[in-house]
Amino acid sequence: MARKKQPADNGFILFDVFYQDGARTSNRKVPSNLVGGLDGDEPARAFIEEQDRKIAEMSGNPRGPIKSITRSPL
């Protein structure tokens, strides 16, 4: 009998990000070693905010403040 394939653990957790201006980005990658501890998903928010700052520096288009983050459905 064939075995079921296990989902690959690529070391990332995907998040959907909702901004205060109504914008949304999907499937933002956050290293899995940052989330799941005592702080839950809060370190993911800081990681995504840092990504947004770097993107804003390179593009010159700042992103609005984050309203909420949720894990992307599989």
C-alpha atoms as a PDB file:
ATOM      1  CA  MET A   1       0.000   0.000   0.000  1.00  0.00           C
ATOM      2  CA  ALA A   2       1.318   3.448  -0.926  1.00  0.00           C
ATOM      3  CA  ARG A   3       2.000   5.974   1.775  1.00  0.00           C
ATOM      4  CA  LYS A   4       0.323   9.344   1.858  1.00  0.00           C
ATOM      5  CA  LYS A   5       2.596  12.219   1.035  1.00  0.00           C
ATOM      6  CA  GLN A   6       3.323  14.473   3.979  1.00  0.00           C
ATOM      7  CA  PRO A   7       3.234  18.216   3.406  1.00  0.00           C
ATOM      8  CA  ALA A   8       6.710  19.618   2.960  1.00  0.00           C
ATOM      9  CA  ASP A   9       8.004  21.654   5.872  1.00  0.00           C
ATOM     10  CA  ASN A  10       9.665  24.525   4.071  1.00  0.00           C
ATOM     11  CA  GLY A  11      10.457  26.410   7.262  1.00  0.00           C
ATOM     12  CA  PHE A  12       7.915  29.172   6.664  1.00  0.00           C
ATOM     13  CA  ILE A  13       4.429  30.021   7.870  1.00  0.00           C
ATOM     14  CA  LEU A  14       2.193  32.076   5.600  1.00  0.00           C
ATOM     15  CA  PHE A  15       0.211  35.055   6.878  1.00  0.00           C
ATOM     16  CA  ASP A  16      -2.470  37.320   5.436  1.00  0.00           C
ATOM     17  CA  VAL A  17      -1.904  40.946   6.433  1.00  0.00           C
ATOM     18  CA  PHE A  18      -4.705  43.510   6.720  1.00  0.00           C
ATOM     19  CA  TYR A  19      -3.790  47.193   6.776  1.00  0.00           C
ATOM     20  CA  GLN A  20      -5.737  50.060   8.348  1.00  0.00           C
ATOM     21  CA  ASP A  21      -6.392  51.611   4.937  1.00  0.00           C
ATOM     22  CA  GLY A  22      -8.258  48.453   3.836  1.00  0.00           C
ATOM     23  CA  ALA A  23      -5.419  46.956   1.798  1.00  0.00           C
ATOM     24  CA  ARG A  24      -4.573  43.285   2.146  1.00  0.00           C
ATOM     25  CA  THR A  25      -1.538  41.180   1.254  1.00  0.00           C
ATOM     26  CA  SER A  26      -1.683  37.411   1.203  1.00  0.00           C
ATOM     27  CA  ASN A  27       0.793  34.629   1.830  1.00  0.00           C
ATOM     28  CA  ARG A  28       3.537  36.675   3.468  1.00  0.00           C
ATOM     29  CA  LYS A  29       6.324  34.279   4.467  1.00  0.00           C
ATOM     30  CA  VAL A  30       7.579  34.324   8.054  1.00  0.00           C
ATOM     31  CA  PRO A  31      10.243  31.888   9.315  1.00  0.00           C
ATOM     32  CA  SER A  32       8.549  29.207  11.401  1.00  0.00           C
ATOM     33  CA  ASN A  33      11.150  29.483  14.159  1.00  0.00           C
ATOM     34  CA  LEU A  34       9.837  32.997  15.007  1.00  0.00           C
ATOM     35  CA  VAL A  35       6.260  31.961  15.811  1.00  0.00           C
ATOM     36  CA  GLY A  36       4.545  29.536  18.140  1.00  0.00           C
ATOM     37  CA  GLY A  37       6.387  30.284  21.371  1.00  0.00           C
ATOM     38  CA  LEU A  38       5.011  32.097  24.371  1.00  0.00           C
ATOM     39  CA  ASP A  39       4.437  35.195  22.241  1.00  0.00           C
ATOM     40  CA  GLY A  40       2.321  33.289  19.688  1.00  0.00           C
ATOM     41  CA  ASP A  41       2.140  35.042  16.316  1.00  0.00           C
ATOM     42  CA  GLU A  42       3.175  38.484  17.618  1.00  0.00           C
ATOM     43  CA  PRO A  43       6.817  38.089  16.432  1.00  0.00           C
ATOM     44  CA  ALA A  44       5.422  37.534  12.922  1.00  0.00           C
ATOM     45  CA  ARG A  45       3.867  40.992  13.028  1.00  0.00           C
ATOM     46  CA  ALA A  46       7.238  42.578  13.896  1.00  0.00           C
ATOM     47  CA  PHE A  47       8.926  40.581  11.120  1.00  0.00           C
ATOM     48  CA  ILE A  48       6.329  41.699   8.547  1.00  0.00           C
ATOM     49  CA  GLU A  49       6.572  45.330   9.708  1.00  0.00           C
ATOM     50  CA  GLU A  50      10.351  45.165   9.179  1.00  0.00           C
ATOM     51  CA  GLN A  51       9.795  43.722   5.686  1.00  0.00           C
ATOM     52  CA  ASP A  52       7.390  46.579   4.939  1.00  0.00           C
ATOM     53  CA  ARG A  53       9.981  49.145   6.065  1.00  0.00           C
ATOM     54  CA  LYS A  54      12.620  47.646   3.766  1.00  0.00           C
ATOM     55  CA  ILE A  55      10.201  47.527   0.832  1.00  0.00           C
ATOM     56  CA  ALA A  56       9.189  51.145   1.465  1.00  0.00           C
ATOM     57  CA  GLU A  57      12.842  52.235   1.498  1.00  0.00           C
ATOM     58  CA  MET A  58      13.519  50.558  -1.834  1.00  0.00           C
ATOM     59  CA  SER A  59      10.309  51.590  -3.587  1.00  0.00           C
ATOM     60  CA  GLY A  60       9.695  54.977  -2.006  1.00  0.00           C
ATOM     61  CA  ASN A  61       6.051  54.003  -1.325  1.00  0.00           C
ATOM     62  CA  PRO A  62       5.408  53.628   2.406  1.00  0.00           C
ATOM     63  CA  ARG A  63       2.870  51.066   3.600  1.00  0.00           C
ATOM     64  CA  GLY A  64       0.171  51.997   6.098  1.00  0.00           C
ATOM     65  CA  PRO A  65       0.027  50.603   9.624  1.00  0.00           C
ATOM     66  CA  ILE A  66      -0.970  46.952  10.064  1.00  0.00           C
ATOM     67  CA  LYS A  67      -4.463  46.415  11.444  1.00  0.00           C
ATOM     68  CA  SER A  68      -4.223  42.630  11.912  1.00  0.00           C
ATOM     69  CA  ILE A  69      -2.512  39.469  10.742  1.00  0.00           C
ATOM     70  CA  THR A  70      -3.932  35.970  10.408  1.00  0.00           C
ATOM     71  CA  ARG A  71      -2.425  32.694   9.322  1.00  0.00           C
ATOM     72  CA  SER A  72      -3.215  31.912   5.706  1.00  0.00           C
ATOM     73  CA  PRO A  73      -5.488  28.902   5.222  1.00  0.00           C
ATOM     74  CA  LEU A  74      -3.767  25.880   3.704  1.00  0.00           C
END
